[in-house]
Amino acid sequence: MIELSFEQIFGAKPQVVARAPGRVNLIGEHTDYNDGYVLPASIDRFVWFAGRRREDRRVRAFALDFHAQAEFSLDHLLRDEQLPWSNYLRGVLKFLEEDGHSLPGADVVYGGDAPREAGLSSSAAVEVGAAALWQGLAGLRLDPVYLAKLARRAENEFVGVPCGIMDQFVSALGKQDHALFLDCRDLTYHQVPLPREVKIVVCNSGVKRALAQSEYEVRLKQCRQAVAQLGTAGLAVKSLRDVDEEDLETAASTLTEVLLKRARHVVTENQRVREAARALEDGDLERFGELMNQSHESLRDDYEVSSRELDALVELALHQPGTLGARMTGAGFGGCTVNLVRESSAQAFAEAVGRDYQQMFGRRAEVYLCGTSNGALAG
């Protein structure tokens, strides 16, 4: 319990406890920073926070996952290269203060069971959870969309990761037993019910995403280059969101082979997300699963962000009874796959995939049977 950890470290009871969920993206990968569509769900893997106000402007933050403490002043919120985990907190606090919210200093403990570097957005959960905690400590009432925007700004401008808004948005606004359909351009969204007869199963390859950050930035630049090149063909496009398959086919000669592949993934993935949301609403789970499979093939072949281990996990999943669909999720080059599995088969699926993966790679895949959750809460 986070309250007990706080008492052990700081010798008093916390005044506010908050938590924010990780997320898994069912479909819509690498579309968010292209102003596209995504369909994530917040899961029952959380980062928990406990905090107590201080009389001064200092923050003492203890990260249970790192067994480390950072101390800093709200009056001097600068990046710390020695304790990079603390920058997710510092960035959130910096922009809350810049937006005119007067914050108290605090003693804080946080940690949880959203695994790091697995593509389940533990970093977004830290940002959103920190904002929720200080909302409680300072007596603020923040709109959850504002909270998501602020958390993304912290990651973009303070931590220095050029992510889209999907992760922070669903961590703040997720709803239990639902996926969240989000238009990443105008931030309109609606909740899509998830049938109770299916289970979201996440398989962790155990491979740290060493290439994910650098290759993510490469893909971001390639998408922008594709947009610029398509503009020379007379297409009035601000992002790949504005391109359909017919446009892409017509203007394909203006793109290099690599840029064409990158653009094709984003264009077709946006179409898959919209169709997948309709399939869920119609209760067509088989079609939803087919779209997940197509998404993985596109990420593997056109966007080229999969890996040998991720491909193997998808293949193993597709051979299991009850599997509706399987794909890599997250930035790629390691991390996790997401699988939609009939609930009656989920436990057998987990045991078989974990065992068979170990036979292939000499290490067992961690498999999480995930429930869905509501977004960030503080109390």
Protein backbone atom coordinates (compact mmCIF):
# COMPACT_ATOMS: atom_id res chain seq x y z
CA MET A 1 0.00 0.00 0.00
CA ILE A 2 1.33 3.41 -0.99
CA GLU A 3 0.14 4.94 2.31
CA LEU A 4 2.26 2.50 4.32
CA SER A 5 5.32 3.23 2.17
CA PHE A 6 4.79 6.95 2.75
CA GLU A 7 4.59 6.47 6.52
CA GLN A 8 7.74 4.36 6.54
CA ILE A 9 9.71 6.92 4.52
CA PHE A 10 8.42 10.22 5.92
CA GLY A 11 7.08 9.23 9.34
CA ALA A 12 3.57 10.62 8.89
CA LYS A 13 0.34 9.78 7.13
CA PRO A 14 -0.23 11.21 3.64
CA GLN A 15 -2.95 13.81 3.12
CA VAL A 16 -3.73 12.90 -0.49
CA VAL A 17 -3.53 9.62 -2.42
CA ALA A 18 -3.82 9.57 -6.21
CA ARG A 19 -3.42 7.05 -8.95
CA ALA A 20 -3.27 7.07 -12.72
CA PRO A 21 -3.55 4.03 -15.00
CA GLY A 22 -1.26 2.78 -17.69
CA ARG A 23 -2.80 2.11 -21.05
CA VAL A 24 -2.74 -0.35 -23.87
CA ASN A 25 -3.47 0.77 -27.39
CA LEU A 26 -5.84 -1.67 -29.06
CA ILE A 27 -5.28 -0.18 -32.51
CA GLY A 28 -3.96 3.04 -33.97
CA GLU A 29 -0.17 2.92 -33.66
CA HIS A 30 2.04 5.87 -34.67
CA THR A 31 -1.03 7.80 -35.78
CA ASP A 32 -1.34 10.18 -32.84
CA TYR A 33 1.58 12.44 -33.79
CA ASN A 34 0.17 12.49 -37.33
CA ASP A 35 -3.11 14.08 -36.13
CA GLY A 36 -4.85 10.74 -36.63
CA TYR A 37 -7.13 8.38 -34.75
CA VAL A 38 -6.39 5.99 -31.89
CA LEU A 39 -8.34 3.46 -29.83
CA PRO A 40 -6.59 2.85 -26.48
CA ALA A 41 -7.97 1.58 -23.18
CA SER A 42 -6.81 2.45 -19.67
CA ILE A 43 -5.86 -0.72 -17.81
CA ASP A 44 -5.78 -1.86 -14.20
CA ARG A 45 -2.03 -1.31 -13.90
CA PHE A 46 -1.38 1.89 -11.99
CA VAL A 47 1.15 4.36 -10.73
CA TRP A 48 0.12 5.32 -7.18
CA PHE A 49 1.04 8.57 -5.42
CA ALA A 50 0.86 9.58 -1.76
CA GLY A 51 1.64 13.12 -0.69
CA ARG A 52 1.63 15.54 2.19
CA ARG A 53 1.86 19.33 1.98
CA ARG A 54 4.94 21.11 3.30
CA GLU A 55 5.10 24.64 4.71
CA ASP A 56 7.90 25.60 2.34
CA ARG A 57 8.30 25.36 -1.45
CA ARG A 58 10.42 22.25 -1.48
CA VAL A 59 9.52 18.86 -2.91
CA ARG A 60 10.95 15.62 -1.62
CA ALA A 61 9.95 12.82 -3.97
CA PHE A 62 10.76 9.15 -3.39
CA ALA A 63 10.38 6.78 -6.35
CA LEU A 64 9.75 3.25 -5.09
CA ASP A 65 10.59 1.69 -8.46
CA PHE A 66 14.07 3.26 -8.39
CA HIS A 67 14.62 3.21 -4.61
CA ALA A 68 15.78 6.80 -4.99
CA GLN A 69 14.85 10.25 -3.72
CA ALA A 70 15.03 13.65 -5.39
CA GLU A 71 14.72 16.99 -3.64
CA PHE A 72 14.11 20.27 -5.42
CA SER A 73 12.46 23.67 -5.11
CA LEU A 74 9.30 24.76 -6.91
CA ASP A 75 11.11 28.07 -7.48
CA HIS A 76 13.89 26.41 -9.52
CA LEU A 77 12.37 23.68 -11.66
CA LEU A 78 15.23 22.58 -13.87
CA ARG A 79 16.00 19.27 -15.55
CA ASP A 80 18.08 16.83 -13.52
CA GLU A 81 20.28 14.67 -15.71
CA GLN A 82 21.44 12.63 -12.71
CA LEU A 83 17.90 11.68 -11.66
CA PRO A 84 16.02 11.63 -14.98
CA TRP A 85 12.98 9.88 -13.46
CA SER A 86 12.28 13.05 -11.48
CA ASN A 87 11.93 15.15 -14.63
CA TYR A 88 8.44 13.79 -15.25
CA LEU A 89 7.36 15.34 -11.94
CA ARG A 90 9.34 18.54 -12.40
CA GLY A 91 7.87 19.18 -15.84
CA VAL A 92 4.28 18.79 -14.64
CA LEU A 93 4.89 21.14 -11.70
CA LYS A 94 6.69 23.70 -13.85
CA PHE A 95 3.80 24.05 -16.28
CA LEU A 96 1.14 24.04 -13.55
CA GLU A 97 2.97 26.95 -11.96
CA GLU A 98 3.40 28.73 -15.30
CA ASP A 99 -0.34 28.43 -15.85
CA GLY A 100 -0.96 30.38 -12.67
CA HIS A 101 -1.67 27.57 -10.20
CA SER A 102 0.00 28.22 -6.86
CA LEU A 103 1.38 24.91 -5.61
CA PRO A 104 2.55 23.86 -2.16
CA GLY A 105 5.77 22.02 -1.53
CA ALA A 106 5.22 18.38 -0.66
CA ASP A 107 6.67 15.10 0.47
CA VAL A 108 5.73 12.49 -2.13
CA VAL A 109 6.09 8.75 -2.60
CA TYR A 110 5.10 7.03 -5.82
CA GLY A 111 5.32 3.66 -7.51
CA GLY A 112 3.11 0.97 -8.92
CA ASP A 113 2.63 -2.06 -11.11
CA ALA A 114 2.58 -0.42 -14.56
CA PRO A 115 5.80 -1.94 -15.92
CA ARG A 116 8.42 0.50 -17.19
CA GLU A 117 9.75 0.38 -20.78
CA ALA A 118 7.06 -2.06 -21.85
CA GLY A 119 4.93 0.19 -24.05
CA LEU A 120 2.16 0.52 -21.43
CA SER A 121 2.77 4.23 -20.83
CA SER A 122 4.01 4.20 -17.27
CA SER A 123 5.60 7.61 -17.99
CA ALA A 124 2.23 9.13 -18.91
CA ALA A 125 0.74 7.60 -15.75
CA VAL A 126 3.48 9.31 -13.71
CA GLU A 127 2.74 12.68 -15.32
CA VAL A 128 -1.03 12.41 -15.03
CA GLY A 129 -0.80 10.99 -11.52
CA ALA A 130 1.50 13.82 -10.39
CA ALA A 131 -0.97 16.39 -11.74
CA ALA A 132 -3.83 14.60 -9.97
CA LEU A 133 -1.87 14.51 -6.70
CA TRP A 134 -1.07 18.23 -6.70
CA GLN A 135 -4.64 18.95 -7.73
CA GLY A 136 -5.61 17.40 -4.40
CA LEU A 137 -2.79 18.99 -2.43
CA ALA A 138 -3.53 22.48 -3.77
CA GLY A 139 -7.32 22.18 -3.76
CA LEU A 140 -7.57 22.66 -7.53
CA ARG A 141 -10.30 21.46 -9.85
CA LEU A 142 -8.64 20.79 -13.19
CA ASP A 143 -10.48 19.78 -16.32
CA PRO A 144 -9.20 16.30 -17.29
CA VAL A 145 -8.57 17.36 -20.91
CA TYR A 146 -6.44 20.26 -19.62
CA LEU A 147 -4.65 17.81 -17.34
CA ALA A 148 -3.86 15.53 -20.30
CA LYS A 149 -2.58 18.45 -22.40
CA LEU A 150 -0.39 19.65 -19.55
CA ALA A 151 1.06 16.19 -18.98
CA ARG A 152 1.88 15.86 -22.67
CA ARG A 153 3.50 19.30 -22.64
CA ALA A 154 5.68 18.19 -19.75
CA GLU A 155 6.89 15.18 -21.71
CA ASN A 156 7.41 17.12 -24.95
CA GLU A 157 8.97 20.32 -23.67
CA PHE A 158 10.59 19.35 -20.36
CA VAL A 159 11.48 15.67 -20.59
CA GLY A 160 12.17 16.05 -24.31
CA VAL A 161 10.17 13.17 -25.77
CA PRO A 162 8.16 14.20 -28.89
CA CYS A 163 5.17 11.98 -28.12
CA GLY A 164 1.57 12.49 -29.18
CA ILE A 165 -1.24 13.03 -26.70
CA MET A 166 -2.83 9.57 -26.71
CA ASP A 167 -1.10 8.18 -23.61
CA GLN A 168 -1.80 11.10 -21.32
CA PHE A 169 -5.34 11.50 -22.67
CA VAL A 170 -6.50 7.97 -21.94
CA SER A 171 -4.72 7.92 -18.57
CA ALA A 172 -6.75 11.00 -17.62
CA LEU A 173 -10.06 10.17 -19.31
CA GLY A 174 -10.28 6.39 -19.60
CA LYS A 175 -13.45 4.60 -18.56
CA GLN A 176 -13.84 1.12 -17.13
CA ASP A 177 -15.18 -1.50 -19.58
CA HIS A 178 -14.56 0.85 -22.51
CA ALA A 179 -11.97 1.76 -25.09
CA LEU A 180 -11.54 5.43 -25.97
CA PHE A 181 -11.81 6.58 -29.59
CA LEU A 182 -9.79 9.78 -29.89
CA ASP A 183 -9.30 12.21 -32.75
CA CYS A 184 -5.79 13.47 -32.02
CA ARG A 185 -6.27 16.62 -34.09
CA ASP A 186 -9.23 18.23 -32.35
CA LEU A 187 -9.32 15.98 -29.24
CA THR A 188 -12.94 14.99 -29.74
CA TYR A 189 -13.50 11.55 -28.29
CA HIS A 190 -16.11 9.02 -27.34
CA GLN A 191 -16.14 5.89 -25.23
CA VAL A 192 -16.62 2.55 -27.02
CA PRO A 193 -17.95 -0.34 -24.89
CA LEU A 194 -15.78 -3.44 -24.61
CA PRO A 195 -17.76 -6.71 -24.40
CA ARG A 196 -17.30 -8.57 -21.14
CA GLU A 197 -16.76 -11.88 -22.94
CA VAL A 198 -13.31 -10.78 -24.13
CA LYS A 199 -10.10 -10.11 -22.24
CA ILE A 200 -7.22 -7.81 -23.12
CA VAL A 201 -4.04 -9.84 -22.73
CA VAL A 202 -0.66 -8.13 -22.86
CA CYS A 203 2.50 -10.13 -23.52
CA ASN A 204 5.80 -8.53 -22.55
CA SER A 205 8.68 -9.63 -24.75
CA GLY A 206 11.17 -8.67 -22.03
CA VAL A 207 13.16 -6.75 -24.65
CA LYS A 208 13.95 -3.20 -23.58
CA ARG A 209 13.11 -0.75 -26.31
CA ALA A 210 16.67 0.49 -26.81
CA LEU A 211 16.00 1.74 -30.34
CA ALA A 212 12.53 3.06 -29.70
CA GLN A 213 13.45 6.66 -28.84
CA SER A 214 15.87 7.28 -31.71
CA GLU A 215 13.77 5.43 -34.28
CA TYR A 216 10.61 7.16 -33.06
CA GLU A 217 12.22 10.48 -33.91
CA VAL A 218 13.27 9.13 -37.31
CA ARG A 219 9.69 8.06 -38.07
CA LEU A 220 8.40 11.45 -36.96
CA LYS A 221 10.75 13.20 -39.40
CA GLN A 222 9.88 10.76 -42.19
CA CYS A 223 6.18 11.47 -41.78
CA ARG A 224 6.82 15.19 -41.97
CA GLN A 225 8.98 14.70 -45.05
CA ALA A 226 6.20 12.67 -46.68
CA VAL A 227 3.71 15.48 -46.02
CA ALA A 228 6.08 18.04 -47.55
CA GLN A 229 6.63 15.88 -50.63
CA LEU A 230 2.92 15.22 -51.08
CA GLY A 231 2.43 18.98 -51.01
CA THR A 232 4.63 19.29 -54.10
CA ALA A 233 2.16 17.00 -55.88
CA GLY A 234 -0.62 19.51 -55.29
CA LEU A 235 -2.18 17.86 -52.25
CA ALA A 236 -3.27 20.40 -49.61
CA VAL A 237 -2.34 18.41 -46.53
CA LYS A 238 -1.23 19.52 -43.08
CA SER A 239 -0.46 15.98 -41.91
CA LEU A 240 -0.86 12.39 -43.06
CA ARG A 241 -4.27 12.49 -41.40
CA ASP A 242 -5.46 14.45 -44.45
CA VAL A 243 -4.39 11.76 -46.95
CA ASP A 244 -6.51 8.83 -48.13
CA GLU A 245 -5.37 5.77 -50.05
CA GLU A 246 -6.48 7.18 -53.40
CA ASP A 247 -4.49 10.38 -52.82
CA LEU A 248 -1.47 8.34 -51.81
CA GLU A 249 -1.66 6.15 -54.89
CA THR A 250 -2.00 9.18 -57.16
CA ALA A 251 0.98 10.98 -55.62
CA ALA A 252 3.13 7.92 -54.90
CA SER A 253 5.73 8.88 -57.52
CA THR A 254 6.67 11.97 -55.47
CA LEU A 255 7.79 9.80 -52.53
CA THR A 256 10.82 7.61 -52.03
CA GLU A 257 10.09 3.96 -51.35
CA VAL A 258 10.71 4.42 -47.63
CA LEU A 259 8.51 7.50 -47.33
CA LEU A 260 5.75 5.77 -49.28
CA LYS A 261 5.83 2.84 -46.86
CA ARG A 262 5.71 5.11 -43.82
CA ALA A 263 2.82 7.12 -45.24
CA ARG A 264 0.94 4.00 -46.28
CA HIS A 265 1.03 2.67 -42.74
CA VAL A 266 -0.38 5.86 -41.25
CA VAL A 267 -3.07 6.26 -43.92
CA THR A 268 -4.29 2.67 -43.69
CA GLU A 269 -3.99 2.59 -39.90
CA ASN A 270 -6.30 5.58 -39.59
CA GLN A 271 -8.85 3.73 -41.71
CA ARG A 272 -8.47 0.62 -39.56
CA VAL A 273 -9.07 2.56 -36.34
CA ARG A 274 -12.34 4.01 -37.60
CA GLU A 275 -13.51 0.64 -38.84
CA ALA A 276 -12.40 -1.05 -35.61
CA ALA A 277 -14.45 1.36 -33.49
CA ARG A 278 -17.52 0.61 -35.63
CA ALA A 279 -16.87 -3.12 -35.35
CA LEU A 280 -16.76 -2.91 -31.55
CA GLU A 281 -19.94 -0.86 -31.46
CA ASP A 282 -21.61 -3.47 -33.68
CA GLY A 283 -20.29 -6.36 -31.58
CA ASP A 284 -18.29 -7.73 -34.52
CA LEU A 285 -15.31 -9.06 -32.58
CA GLU A 286 -14.03 -11.19 -35.45
CA ARG A 287 -13.69 -8.15 -37.70
CA PHE A 288 -12.04 -6.20 -34.91
CA GLY A 289 -9.49 -9.00 -34.53
CA GLU A 290 -8.79 -9.07 -38.27
CA LEU A 291 -8.04 -5.34 -38.15
CA MET A 292 -5.62 -5.86 -35.25
CA ASN A 293 -3.79 -8.49 -37.30
CA GLN A 294 -3.62 -6.17 -40.31
CA SER A 295 -2.26 -3.43 -38.06
CA HIS A 296 0.62 -5.63 -36.96
CA GLU A 297 1.48 -6.57 -40.53
CA SER A 298 1.57 -2.89 -41.47
CA LEU A 299 3.75 -1.98 -38.47
CA ARG A 300 6.09 -4.84 -39.35
CA ASP A 301 6.33 -4.32 -43.09
CA ASP A 302 5.58 -0.65 -43.81
CA TYR A 303 6.52 1.18 -40.61
CA GLU A 304 9.27 -1.33 -39.74
CA VAL A 305 9.08 -0.95 -35.96
CA SER A 306 8.47 -4.56 -34.95
CA SER A 307 11.11 -7.07 -33.85
CA ARG A 308 11.79 -10.79 -34.03
CA GLU A 309 10.42 -11.26 -30.52
CA LEU A 310 7.25 -9.24 -31.12
CA ASP A 311 6.57 -11.09 -34.38
CA ALA A 312 7.03 -14.39 -32.57
CA LEU A 313 4.59 -13.40 -29.82
CA VAL A 314 1.99 -12.47 -32.43
CA GLU A 315 2.44 -15.77 -34.27
CA LEU A 316 2.18 -17.73 -31.02
CA ALA A 317 -0.97 -15.84 -30.10
CA LEU A 318 -2.67 -16.49 -33.40
CA HIS A 319 -2.24 -20.24 -32.92
CA GLN A 320 -4.04 -20.23 -29.56
CA PRO A 321 -7.75 -21.12 -29.25
CA GLY A 322 -9.90 -18.10 -28.47
CA THR A 323 -7.55 -15.50 -29.97
CA LEU A 324 -9.42 -12.86 -31.94
CA GLY A 325 -6.51 -10.59 -32.83
CA ALA A 326 -2.88 -9.85 -31.96
CA ARG A 327 -0.46 -7.02 -32.66
CA MET A 328 2.54 -5.19 -31.27
CA THR A 329 1.67 -2.13 -29.22
CA GLY A 330 3.69 0.93 -28.31
CA ALA A 331 6.65 2.50 -30.06
CA GLY A 332 8.12 -0.85 -31.07
CA PHE A 333 11.56 -2.54 -31.15
CA GLY A 334 10.63 -4.39 -27.98
CA GLY A 335 8.02 -4.03 -25.30
CA CYS A 336 4.65 -5.71 -25.62
CA THR A 337 1.99 -7.19 -27.82
CA VAL A 338 -1.72 -6.70 -27.19
CA ASN A 339 -4.14 -9.53 -27.78
CA LEU A 340 -7.91 -9.72 -27.74
CA VAL A 341 -8.85 -13.14 -26.38
CA ARG A 342 -12.15 -14.72 -25.42
CA GLU A 343 -12.34 -14.67 -21.64
CA SER A 344 -12.91 -18.43 -21.40
CA SER A 345 -9.57 -19.02 -23.14
CA ALA A 346 -7.49 -16.24 -21.57
CA GLN A 347 -5.78 -18.23 -18.81
CA ALA A 348 -4.82 -21.09 -21.13
CA PHE A 349 -3.59 -18.51 -23.66
CA ALA A 350 -1.33 -16.91 -21.05
CA GLU A 351 0.19 -20.22 -19.99
CA ALA A 352 0.78 -21.49 -23.54
CA VAL A 353 2.29 -18.26 -24.92
CA GLY A 354 4.55 -17.82 -21.90
CA ARG A 355 5.79 -21.41 -22.16
CA ASP A 356 6.29 -21.45 -25.93
CA TYR A 357 8.07 -18.09 -25.92
CA GLN A 358 10.50 -19.42 -23.33
CA GLN A 359 11.24 -22.41 -25.53
CA MET A 360 12.02 -20.09 -28.44
CA PHE A 361 14.07 -17.39 -26.67
CA GLY A 362 15.22 -18.88 -23.38
CA ARG A 363 13.20 -16.47 -21.23
CA ARG A 364 9.57 -16.50 -20.26
CA ALA A 365 7.28 -13.76 -21.51
CA GLU A 366 5.41 -11.96 -18.75
CA VAL A 367 1.71 -12.13 -19.60
CA TYR A 368 -0.81 -9.75 -18.05
CA LEU A 369 -4.53 -10.42 -18.07
CA CYS A 370 -5.74 -6.84 -18.04
CA GLY A 371 -8.95 -5.35 -16.87
CA THR A 372 -9.93 -1.84 -17.82
CA SER A 373 -10.08 1.07 -15.42
CA ASN A 374 -11.25 4.61 -14.98
CA GLY A 375 -8.81 7.44 -15.52
CA ALA A 376 -6.81 9.35 -12.91
CA LEU A 377 -8.31 9.78 -9.46
CA ALA A 378 -7.24 11.66 -6.33
CA GLY A 379 -8.68 11.65 -2.85
